[in-house]
């Protein structure tokens, strides 16, 4: 948009601005494509590992929620 307006203005600076914005847009698209591919490559390189179950102290009962908390009212 801004580049088109600058181009319409017909000034030398406006033409440079239009070209600069078009070049920047191409670079951003290229970077976006590179990042998209990079995430796919990382997924292949790092195998998915199952989530470990939460650790709980053995022999101790779970800690009750404090009185007045959201979880204690839901019970």
Protein backbone atom coordinates (compact mmCIF):
# COMPACT_ATOMS: atom_id res chain seq x y z
CA UNK A 1 0.00 0.00 0.00
CA UNK A 2 2.57 2.55 1.10
CA UNK A 3 4.82 1.49 -1.75
CA UNK A 4 2.03 1.96 -4.29
CA UNK A 5 1.27 5.42 -2.89
CA UNK A 6 4.94 6.33 -3.12
CA UNK A 7 5.07 5.07 -6.69
CA UNK A 8 2.00 7.16 -7.59
CA UNK A 9 3.64 10.27 -6.14
CA UNK A 10 6.21 10.10 -8.92
CA UNK A 11 9.08 11.41 -6.84
CA UNK A 12 12.51 9.84 -7.00
CA UNK A 13 12.38 9.04 -3.30
CA UNK A 14 8.98 7.46 -3.77
CA UNK A 15 10.30 5.09 -6.41
CA UNK A 16 13.14 4.07 -4.14
CA UNK A 17 10.69 3.52 -1.31
CA UNK A 18 8.51 1.33 -3.50
CA UNK A 19 11.49 -0.79 -4.54
CA UNK A 20 12.75 -0.99 -0.96
CA UNK A 21 9.37 -2.14 0.32
CA UNK A 22 9.01 -4.70 -2.47
CA UNK A 23 12.49 -6.05 -1.71
CA UNK A 24 11.71 -6.21 2.01
CA UNK A 25 8.47 -8.09 1.30
CA UNK A 26 10.37 -10.66 -0.79
CA UNK A 27 12.93 -11.09 1.96
CA UNK A 28 10.24 -11.57 4.59
CA UNK A 29 8.50 -14.21 2.46
CA UNK A 30 11.81 -16.00 1.95
CA UNK A 31 12.57 -15.92 5.68
CA UNK A 32 9.09 -17.24 6.44
CA UNK A 33 9.59 -20.14 4.04
CA UNK A 34 13.00 -20.89 5.57
CA UNK A 35 11.52 -20.94 9.08
CA UNK A 36 8.68 -23.18 7.96
CA UNK A 37 11.14 -25.67 6.49
CA UNK A 38 13.40 -25.40 9.56
CA UNK A 39 10.60 -26.52 11.89
CA UNK A 40 9.96 -29.57 9.70
CA UNK A 41 13.67 -30.43 9.72
CA UNK A 42 13.86 -30.06 13.51
CA UNK A 43 10.91 -32.42 13.95
CA UNK A 44 12.72 -35.04 11.90
CA UNK A 45 16.00 -34.60 13.77
CA UNK A 46 14.52 -34.73 17.27
CA UNK A 47 12.38 -37.82 17.81
CA UNK A 48 9.19 -37.32 19.78
CA UNK A 49 9.49 -38.55 23.35
CA UNK A 50 6.52 -39.53 25.47
CA UNK A 51 5.71 -37.14 28.26
CA UNK A 52 6.89 -38.36 31.64
CA UNK A 53 4.14 -38.76 34.23
CA UNK A 54 4.26 -36.18 37.01
CA UNK A 55 6.41 -37.31 39.92
CA UNK A 56 4.67 -37.73 43.23
CA UNK A 57 6.29 -38.33 46.57
CA UNK A 58 5.81 -41.94 47.58
CA UNK A 59 4.02 -42.72 50.82
CA UNK A 60 2.52 -39.24 51.16
CA UNK A 61 -1.11 -38.36 50.40
CA UNK A 62 -1.75 -35.53 47.91
CA UNK A 63 -1.72 -32.04 49.44
CA UNK A 64 -5.30 -30.73 49.79
CA UNK A 65 -6.23 -27.43 48.20
CA UNK A 66 -6.40 -24.46 50.59
CA UNK A 67 -9.85 -23.56 51.90
CA UNK A 68 -11.64 -21.09 49.67
CA UNK A 69 -9.65 -21.95 46.55
CA UNK A 70 -11.37 -22.63 43.25
CA UNK A 71 -10.56 -26.34 43.35
CA UNK A 72 -11.96 -26.81 46.87
CA UNK A 73 -15.29 -25.16 45.87
CA UNK A 74 -15.65 -27.33 42.77
CA UNK A 75 -15.74 -30.52 44.87
